[in-house]
Amino acid sequence: MLLADVYRYTSNHRKCQIALKAVRDFASELSDINMKMKAYEYLGESYMESKDYSNAIKSYKKLMQLAWKEKNQTLELRAYEGL
């Protein structure tokens, strides 16, 4: 996540998104649902900043689905805010 943060703060959105997708995939392998939800949240933010709205919506929708499944109201609200 740290590498993705560096890319995000330097406005290198493409590399940020690649790093976050790797985090998402790694979280899936570990079955770490919290890390996976955070990756989707940050992906949504990165896509919004790069004006890739269709992928931002997809990321926030996936975050919302996972948050519902895990009954995580905080991340569910963040997904709504992103949409």
PDB file of N, CA and C in Angstrom:
ATOM      1  N   MET A   1       0.812  -1.191   0.000  1.00  0.00           N
ATOM      2  CA  MET A   1       0.000   0.000   0.000  1.00  0.00           C
ATOM      3  C   MET A   1       0.862   1.264   0.000  1.00  0.00           C
ATOM      4  N   LEU A   2       2.010   1.179   0.633  1.00  0.00           N
ATOM      5  CA  LEU A   2       2.878   2.349   0.714  1.00  0.00           C
ATOM      6  C   LEU A   2       3.330   2.812  -0.666  1.00  0.00           C
ATOM      7  N   LEU A   3       3.701   1.865  -1.511  1.00  0.00           N
ATOM      8  CA  LEU A   3       4.124   2.223  -2.869  1.00  0.00           C
ATOM      9  C   LEU A   3       2.974   2.898  -3.628  1.00  0.00           C
ATOM     10  N   ALA A   4       1.772   2.376  -3.465  1.00  0.00           N
ATOM     11  CA  ALA A   4       0.602   2.982  -4.112  1.00  0.00           C
ATOM     12  C   ALA A   4       0.388   4.404  -3.611  1.00  0.00           C
ATOM     13  N   ASP A   5       0.590   4.623  -2.308  1.00  0.00           N
ATOM     14  CA  ASP A   5       0.463   5.974  -1.746  1.00  0.00           C
ATOM     15  C   ASP A   5       1.470   6.934  -2.368  1.00  0.00           C
ATOM     16  N   VAL A   6       2.698   6.482  -2.530  1.00  0.00           N
ATOM     17  CA  VAL A   6       3.734   7.327  -3.135  1.00  0.00           C
ATOM     18  C   VAL A   6       3.325   7.708  -4.558  1.00  0.00           C
ATOM     19  N   TYR A   7       2.889   6.726  -5.332  1.00  0.00           N
ATOM     20  CA  TYR A   7       2.456   7.016  -6.706  1.00  0.00           C
ATOM     21  C   TYR A   7       1.249   7.956  -6.721  1.00  0.00           C
ATOM     22  N   ARG A   8       0.343   7.743  -5.785  1.00  0.00           N
ATOM     23  CA  ARG A   8      -0.859   8.591  -5.743  1.00  0.00           C
ATOM     24  C   ARG A   8      -0.483  10.040  -5.437  1.00  0.00           C
ATOM     25  N   TYR A   9       0.369  10.242  -4.454  1.00  0.00           N
ATOM     26  CA  TYR A   9       0.728  11.606  -4.059  1.00  0.00           C
ATOM     27  C   TYR A   9       1.629  12.303  -5.060  1.00  0.00           C
ATOM     28  N   THR A  10       2.223  11.536  -5.964  1.00  0.00           N
ATOM     29  CA  THR A  10       3.009  12.143  -7.044  1.00  0.00           C
ATOM     30  C   THR A  10       2.199  12.192  -8.338  1.00  0.00           C
ATOM     31  N   SER A  11       0.902  11.916  -8.223  1.00  0.00           N
ATOM     32  CA  SER A  11      -0.054  11.967  -9.340  1.00  0.00           C
ATOM     33  C   SER A  11       0.274  10.989 -10.466  1.00  0.00           C
ATOM     34  N   ASN A  12       0.922   9.895 -10.129  1.00  0.00           N
ATOM     35  CA  ASN A  12       1.174   8.847 -11.108  1.00  0.00           C
ATOM     36  C   ASN A  12       0.084   7.791 -10.915  1.00  0.00           C
ATOM     37  N   HIS A  13      -1.108   8.118 -11.401  1.00  0.00           N
ATOM     38  CA  HIS A  13      -2.291   7.299 -11.137  1.00  0.00           C
ATOM     39  C   HIS A  13      -2.209   5.912 -11.755  1.00  0.00           C
ATOM     40  N   ARG A  14      -1.619   5.804 -12.914  1.00  0.00           N
ATOM     41  CA  ARG A  14      -1.540   4.490 -13.571  1.00  0.00           C
ATOM     42  C   ARG A  14      -0.713   3.510 -12.735  1.00  0.00           C
ATOM     43  N   LYS A  15       0.444   3.953 -12.273  1.00  0.00           N
ATOM     44  CA  LYS A  15       1.284   3.080 -11.439  1.00  0.00           C
ATOM     45  C   LYS A  15       0.618   2.812 -10.090  1.00  0.00           C
ATOM     46  N   CYS A  16      -0.077   3.799  -9.572  1.00  0.00           N
ATOM     47  CA  CYS A  16      -0.817   3.620  -8.325  1.00  0.00           C
ATOM     48  C   CYS A  16      -1.856   2.509  -8.493  1.00  0.00           C
ATOM     49  N   GLN A  17      -2.585   2.548  -9.592  1.00  0.00           N
ATOM     50  CA  GLN A  17      -3.625   1.547  -9.837  1.00  0.00           C
ATOM     51  C   GLN A  17      -3.029   0.158 -10.022  1.00  0.00           C
ATOM     52  N   ILE A  18      -1.897   0.073 -10.680  1.00  0.00           N
ATOM     53  CA  ILE A  18      -1.228  -1.220 -10.847  1.00  0.00           C
ATOM     54  C   ILE A  18      -0.818  -1.779  -9.478  1.00  0.00           C
ATOM     55  N   ALA A  19      -0.252  -0.921  -8.636  1.00  0.00           N
ATOM     56  CA  ALA A  19       0.165  -1.349  -7.302  1.00  0.00           C
ATOM     57  C   ALA A  19      -1.037  -1.791  -6.465  1.00  0.00           C
ATOM     58  N   LEU A  20      -2.132  -1.059  -6.559  1.00  0.00           N
ATOM     59  CA  LEU A  20      -3.322  -1.406  -5.782  1.00  0.00           C
ATOM     60  C   LEU A  20      -3.968  -2.698  -6.274  1.00  0.00           C
ATOM     61  N   LYS A  21      -3.906  -2.938  -7.562  1.00  0.00           N
ATOM     62  CA  LYS A  21      -4.425  -4.212  -8.079  1.00  0.00           C
ATOM     63  C   LYS A  21      -3.587  -5.378  -7.566  1.00  0.00           C
ATOM     64  N   ALA A  22      -2.284  -5.167  -7.441  1.00  0.00           N
ATOM     65  CA  ALA A  22      -1.417  -6.205  -6.882  1.00  0.00           C
ATOM     66  C   ALA A  22      -1.764  -6.453  -5.413  1.00  0.00           C
ATOM     67  N   VAL A  23      -2.038  -5.384  -4.668  1.00  0.00           N
ATOM     68  CA  VAL A  23      -2.452  -5.518  -3.270  1.00  0.00           C
ATOM     69  C   VAL A  23      -3.764  -6.279  -3.188  1.00  0.00           C
ATOM     70  N   ARG A  24      -4.710  -5.928  -4.038  1.00  0.00           N
ATOM     71  CA  ARG A  24      -6.003  -6.604  -4.064  1.00  0.00           C
ATOM     72  C   ARG A  24      -5.833  -8.101  -4.325  1.00  0.00           C
ATOM     73  N   ASP A  25      -5.015  -8.436  -5.318  1.00  0.00           N
ATOM     74  CA  ASP A  25      -4.786  -9.839  -5.658  1.00  0.00           C
ATOM     75  C   ASP A  25      -4.078 -10.585  -4.529  1.00  0.00           C
ATOM     76  N   PHE A  26      -3.107  -9.932  -3.909  1.00  0.00           N
ATOM     77  CA  PHE A  26      -2.389 -10.533  -2.785  1.00  0.00           C
ATOM     78  C   PHE A  26      -3.337 -10.761  -1.611  1.00  0.00           C
ATOM     79  N   ALA A  27      -4.208  -9.794  -1.359  1.00  0.00           N
ATOM     80  CA  ALA A  27      -5.190  -9.933  -0.283  1.00  0.00           C
ATOM     81  C   ALA A  27      -6.129 -11.104  -0.554  1.00  0.00           C
ATOM     82  N   SER A  28      -6.489 -11.310  -1.812  1.00  0.00           N
ATOM     83  CA  SER A  28      -7.329 -12.459  -2.170  1.00  0.00           C
ATOM     84  C   SER A  28      -6.619 -13.769  -1.862  1.00  0.00           C
ATOM     85  N   GLU A  29      -5.331 -13.830  -2.211  1.00  0.00           N
ATOM     86  CA  GLU A  29      -4.552 -15.041  -1.943  1.00  0.00           C
ATOM     87  C   GLU A  29      -4.467 -15.326  -0.448  1.00  0.00           C
ATOM     88  N   LEU A  30      -4.371 -14.279   0.351  1.00  0.00           N
ATOM     89  CA  LEU A  30      -4.280 -14.424   1.808  1.00  0.00           C
ATOM     90  C   LEU A  30      -5.647 -14.549   2.471  1.00  0.00           C
ATOM     91  N   SER A  31      -6.706 -14.353   1.704  1.00  0.00           N
ATOM     92  CA  SER A  31      -8.079 -14.305   2.235  1.00  0.00           C
ATOM     93  C   SER A  31      -8.213 -13.192   3.275  1.00  0.00           C
ATOM     94  N   ASP A  32      -7.546 -12.074   3.017  1.00  0.00           N
ATOM     95  CA  ASP A  32      -7.604 -10.915   3.911  1.00  0.00           C
ATOM     96  C   ASP A  32      -8.634  -9.935   3.354  1.00  0.00           C
ATOM     97  N   ILE A  33      -9.859 -10.070   3.803  1.00  0.00           N
ATOM     98  CA  ILE A  33     -10.962  -9.279   3.262  1.00  0.00           C
ATOM     99  C   ILE A  33     -10.804  -7.795   3.578  1.00  0.00           C
ATOM    100  N   ASN A  34     -10.239  -7.464   4.746  1.00  0.00           N
ATOM    101  CA  ASN A  34     -10.069  -6.051   5.106  1.00  0.00           C
ATOM    102  C   ASN A  34      -9.072  -5.360   4.188  1.00  0.00           C
ATOM    103  N   MET A  35      -7.963  -6.041   3.892  1.00  0.00           N
ATOM    104  CA  MET A  35      -6.983  -5.471   2.975  1.00  0.00           C
ATOM    105  C   MET A  35      -7.592  -5.328   1.578  1.00  0.00           C
ATOM    106  N   LYS A  36      -8.385  -6.302   1.188  1.00  0.00           N
ATOM    107  CA  LYS A  36      -9.016  -6.264  -0.127  1.00  0.00           C
ATOM    108  C   LYS A  36      -9.989  -5.086  -0.226  1.00  0.00           C
ATOM    109  N   MET A  37     -10.760  -4.860   0.830  1.00  0.00           N
ATOM    110  CA  MET A  37     -11.698  -3.735   0.816  1.00  0.00           C
ATOM    111  C   MET A  37     -10.947  -2.411   0.740  1.00  0.00           C
ATOM    112  N   LYS A  38      -9.847  -2.291   1.485  1.00  0.00           N
ATOM    113  CA  LYS A  38      -9.061  -1.059   1.440  1.00  0.00           C
ATOM    114  C   LYS A  38      -8.490  -0.835   0.043  1.00  0.00           C
ATOM    115  N   ALA A  39      -8.054  -1.916  -0.599  1.00  0.00           N
ATOM    116  CA  ALA A  39      -7.519  -1.787  -1.959  1.00  0.00           C
ATOM    117  C   ALA A  39      -8.603  -1.261  -2.899  1.00  0.00           C
ATOM    118  N   TYR A  40      -9.819  -1.781  -2.783  1.00  0.00           N
ATOM    119  CA  TYR A  40     -10.911  -1.285  -3.628  1.00  0.00           C
ATOM    120  C   TYR A  40     -11.247   0.168  -3.310  1.00  0.00           C
ATOM    121  N   GLU A  41     -11.192   0.532  -2.037  1.00  0.00           N
ATOM    122  CA  GLU A  41     -11.462   1.926  -1.672  1.00  0.00           C
ATOM    123  C   GLU A  41     -10.429   2.854  -2.314  1.00  0.00           C
ATOM    124  N   TYR A  42      -9.161   2.512  -2.185  1.00  0.00           N
ATOM    125  CA  TYR A  42      -8.096   3.349  -2.744  1.00  0.00           C
ATOM    126  C   TYR A  42      -8.086   3.325  -4.275  1.00  0.00           C
ATOM    127  N   LEU A  43      -8.463   2.179  -4.858  1.00  0.00           N
ATOM    128  CA  LEU A  43      -8.599   2.128  -6.315  1.00  0.00           C
ATOM    129  C   LEU A  43      -9.667   3.107  -6.782  1.00  0.00           C
ATOM    130  N   GLY A  44     -10.796   3.108  -6.085  1.00  0.00           N
ATOM    131  CA  GLY A  44     -11.871   4.036  -6.436  1.00  0.00           C
ATOM    132  C   GLY A  44     -11.402   5.476  -6.369  1.00  0.00           C
ATOM    133  N   GLU A  45     -10.668   5.810  -5.311  1.00  0.00           N
ATOM    134  CA  GLU A  45     -10.162   7.175  -5.166  1.00  0.00           C
ATOM    135  C   GLU A  45      -9.184   7.522  -6.290  1.00  0.00           C
ATOM    136  N   SER A  46      -8.304   6.590  -6.611  1.00  0.00           N
ATOM    137  CA  SER A  46      -7.322   6.839  -7.670  1.00  0.00           C
ATOM    138  C   SER A  46      -8.003   7.014  -9.020  1.00  0.00           C
ATOM    139  N   TYR A  47      -8.975   6.176  -9.291  1.00  0.00           N
ATOM    140  CA  TYR A  47      -9.710   6.318 -10.552  1.00  0.00           C
ATOM    141  C   TYR A  47     -10.459   7.652 -10.615  1.00  0.00           C
ATOM    142  N   MET A  48     -11.040   8.070  -9.502  1.00  0.00           N
ATOM    143  CA  MET A  48     -11.736   9.365  -9.483  1.00  0.00           C
ATOM    144  C   MET A  48     -10.747  10.497  -9.768  1.00  0.00           C
ATOM    145  N   GLU A  49      -9.573  10.453  -9.141  1.00  0.00           N
ATOM    146  CA  GLU A  49      -8.578  11.502  -9.335  1.00  0.00           C
ATOM    147  C   GLU A  49      -8.079  11.552 -10.777  1.00  0.00           C
ATOM    148  N   SER A  50      -8.073  10.399 -11.436  1.00  0.00           N
ATOM    149  CA  SER A  50      -7.623  10.368 -12.832  1.00  0.00           C
ATOM    150  C   SER A  50      -8.793  10.508 -13.815  1.00  0.00           C
ATOM    151  N   LYS A  51      -9.975  10.792 -13.259  1.00  0.00           N
ATOM    152  CA  LYS A  51     -11.194  11.032 -14.046  1.00  0.00           C
ATOM    153  C   LYS A  51     -11.636   9.804 -14.858  1.00  0.00           C
ATOM    154  N   ASP A  52     -11.297   8.618 -14.357  1.00  0.00           N
ATOM    155  CA  ASP A  52     -11.744   7.360 -14.946  1.00  0.00           C
ATOM    156  C   ASP A  52     -12.963   6.905 -14.142  1.00  0.00           C
ATOM    157  N   TYR A  53     -14.074   7.570 -14.399  1.00  0.00           N
ATOM    158  CA  TYR A  53     -15.259   7.412 -13.570  1.00  0.00           C
ATOM    159  C   TYR A  53     -15.893   6.025 -13.661  1.00  0.00           C
ATOM    160  N   SER A  54     -15.851   5.400 -14.817  1.00  0.00           N
ATOM    161  CA  SER A  54     -16.479   4.081 -14.938  1.00  0.00           C
ATOM    162  C   SER A  54     -15.750   3.048 -14.070  1.00  0.00           C
ATOM    163  N   ASN A  55     -14.427   3.092 -14.053  1.00  0.00           N
ATOM    164  CA  ASN A  55     -13.684   2.166 -13.192  1.00  0.00           C
ATOM    165  C   ASN A  55     -13.807   2.548 -11.718  1.00  0.00           C
ATOM    166  N   ALA A  56     -13.945   3.822 -11.431  1.00  0.00           N
ATOM    167  CA  ALA A  56     -14.166   4.249 -10.046  1.00  0.00           C
ATOM    168  C   ALA A  56     -15.478   3.669  -9.532  1.00  0.00           C
ATOM    169  N   ILE A  57     -16.512   3.755 -10.337  1.00  0.00           N
ATOM    170  CA  ILE A  57     -17.812   3.211  -9.947  1.00  0.00           C
ATOM    171  C   ILE A  57     -17.718   1.706  -9.718  1.00  0.00           C
ATOM    172  N   LYS A  58     -17.019   1.010 -10.598  1.00  0.00           N
ATOM    173  CA  LYS A  58     -16.854  -0.447 -10.437  1.00  0.00           C
ATOM    174  C   LYS A  58     -16.136  -0.769  -9.125  1.00  0.00           C
ATOM    175  N   SER A  59     -15.110  -0.002  -8.817  1.00  0.00           N
ATOM    176  CA  SER A  59     -14.354  -0.245  -7.580  1.00  0.00           C
ATOM    177  C   SER A  59     -15.210   0.021  -6.348  1.00  0.00           C
ATOM    178  N   TYR A  60     -15.947   1.119  -6.369  1.00  0.00           N
ATOM    179  CA  TYR A  60     -16.796   1.438  -5.224  1.00  0.00           C
ATOM    180  C   TYR A  60     -17.948   0.442  -5.076  1.00  0.00           C
ATOM    181  N   LYS A  61     -18.475  -0.045  -6.180  1.00  0.00           N
ATOM    182  CA  LYS A  61     -19.534  -1.057  -6.102  1.00  0.00           C
ATOM    183  C   LYS A  61     -19.002  -2.357  -5.508  1.00  0.00           C
ATOM    184  N   LYS A  62     -17.799  -2.746  -5.901  1.00  0.00           N
ATOM    185  CA  LYS A  62     -17.197  -3.956  -5.347  1.00  0.00           C
ATOM    186  C   LYS A  62     -16.913  -3.762  -3.861  1.00  0.00           C
ATOM    187  N   LEU A  63     -16.426  -2.586  -3.496  1.00  0.00           N
ATOM    188  CA  LEU A  63     -16.211  -2.274  -2.080  1.00  0.00           C
ATOM    189  C   LEU A  63     -17.522  -2.400  -1.316  1.00  0.00           C
ATOM    190  N   MET A  64     -18.590  -1.863  -1.876  1.00  0.00           N
ATOM    191  CA  MET A  64     -19.888  -1.909  -1.218  1.00  0.00           C
ATOM    192  C   MET A  64     -20.353  -3.355  -1.018  1.00  0.00           C
ATOM    193  N   GLN A  65     -20.193  -4.189  -2.041  1.00  0.00           N
ATOM    194  CA  GLN A  65     -20.594  -5.597  -1.928  1.00  0.00           C
ATOM    195  C   GLN A  65     -19.825  -6.297  -0.805  1.00  0.00           C
ATOM    196  N   LEU A  66     -18.517  -6.065  -0.762  1.00  0.00           N
ATOM    197  CA  LEU A  66     -17.708  -6.698   0.276  1.00  0.00           C
ATOM    198  C   LEU A  66     -18.062  -6.153   1.664  1.00  0.00           C
ATOM    199  N   ALA A  67     -18.318  -4.859   1.753  1.00  0.00           N
ATOM    200  CA  ALA A  67     -18.676  -4.246   3.033  1.00  0.00           C
ATOM    201  C   ALA A  67     -20.005  -4.797   3.530  1.00  0.00           C
ATOM    202  N   TRP A  68     -20.971  -4.982   2.628  1.00  0.00           N
ATOM    203  CA  TRP A  68     -22.254  -5.583   3.023  1.00  0.00           C
ATOM    204  C   TRP A  68     -22.033  -6.989   3.559  1.00  0.00           C
ATOM    205  N   LYS A  69     -21.232  -7.757   2.838  1.00  0.00           N
ATOM    206  CA  LYS A  69     -20.962  -9.145   3.224  1.00  0.00           C
ATOM    207  C   LYS A  69     -20.317  -9.210   4.604  1.00  0.00           C
ATOM    208  N   GLU A  70     -19.415  -8.287   4.872  1.00  0.00           N
ATOM    209  CA  GLU A  70     -18.686  -8.260   6.144  1.00  0.00           C
ATOM    210  C   GLU A  70     -19.380  -7.415   7.210  1.00  0.00           C
ATOM    211  N   LYS A  71     -20.513  -6.807   6.845  1.00  0.00           N
ATOM    212  CA  LYS A  71     -21.245  -5.913   7.758  1.00  0.00           C
ATOM    213  C   LYS A  71     -20.352  -4.786   8.296  1.00  0.00           C
ATOM    214  N   ASN A  72     -19.576  -4.210   7.388  1.00  0.00           N
ATOM    215  CA  ASN A  72     -18.665  -3.120   7.731  1.00  0.00           C
ATOM    216  C   ASN A  72     -19.308  -1.814   7.285  1.00  0.00           C
ATOM    217  N   GLN A  73     -19.989  -1.164   8.222  1.00  0.00           N
ATOM    218  CA  GLN A  73     -20.735   0.050   7.885  1.00  0.00           C
ATOM    219  C   GLN A  73     -19.828   1.216   7.516  1.00  0.00           C
ATOM    220  N   THR A  74     -18.655   1.277   8.094  1.00  0.00           N
ATOM    221  CA  THR A  74     -17.734   2.380   7.795  1.00  0.00           C
ATOM    222  C   THR A  74     -17.344   2.360   6.327  1.00  0.00           C
ATOM    223  N   LEU A  75     -16.903   1.192   5.827  1.00  0.00           N
ATOM    224  CA  LEU A  75     -16.493   1.108   4.428  1.00  0.00           C
ATOM    225  C   LEU A  75     -17.698   1.149   3.492  1.00  0.00           C
ATOM    226  N   GLU A  76     -18.846   0.696   3.954  1.00  0.00           N
ATOM    227  CA  GLU A  76     -20.054   0.818   3.150  1.00  0.00           C
ATOM    228  C   GLU A  76     -20.373   2.294   2.911  1.00  0.00           C
ATOM    229  N   LEU A  77     -20.257   3.096   3.947  1.00  0.00           N
ATOM    230  CA  LEU A  77     -20.502   4.540   3.808  1.00  0.00           C
ATOM    231  C   LEU A  77     -19.469   5.194   2.890  1.00  0.00           C
ATOM    232  N   ARG A  78     -18.224   4.766   2.994  1.00  0.00           N
ATOM    233  CA  ARG A  78     -17.187   5.321   2.115  1.00  0.00           C
ATOM    234  C   ARG A  78     -17.469   4.973   0.648  1.00  0.00           C
ATOM    235  N   ALA A  79     -18.000   3.771   0.430  1.00  0.00           N
ATOM    236  CA  ALA A  79     -18.368   3.389  -0.938  1.00  0.00           C
ATOM    237  C   ALA A  79     -19.485   4.289  -1.447  1.00  0.00           C
ATOM    238  N   TYR A  80     -20.490   4.530  -0.612  1.00  0.00           N
ATOM    239  CA  TYR A  80     -21.586   5.432  -1.008  1.00  0.00           C
ATOM    240  C   TYR A  80     -21.057   6.829  -1.306  1.00  0.00           C
ATOM    241  N   GLU A  81     -20.147   7.308  -0.468  1.00  0.00           N
ATOM    242  CA  GLU A  81     -19.578   8.637  -0.672  1.00  0.00           C
ATOM    243  C   GLU A  81     -18.838   8.715  -2.011  1.00  0.00           C
ATOM    244  N   GLY A  82     -18.151   7.647  -2.354  1.00  0.00           N
ATOM    245  CA  GLY A  82     -17.424   7.616  -3.618  1.00  0.00           C
ATOM    246  C   GLY A  82     -18.327   7.618  -4.831  1.00  0.00           C
ATOM    247  N   LEU A  83     -19.496   7.009  -4.671  1.00  0.00           N
ATOM    248  CA  LEU A  83     -20.436   6.971  -5.794  1.00  0.00           C
ATOM    249  C   LEU A  83     -21.109   8.316  -5.935  1.00  0.00           C
TER     250      LEU A  83
END
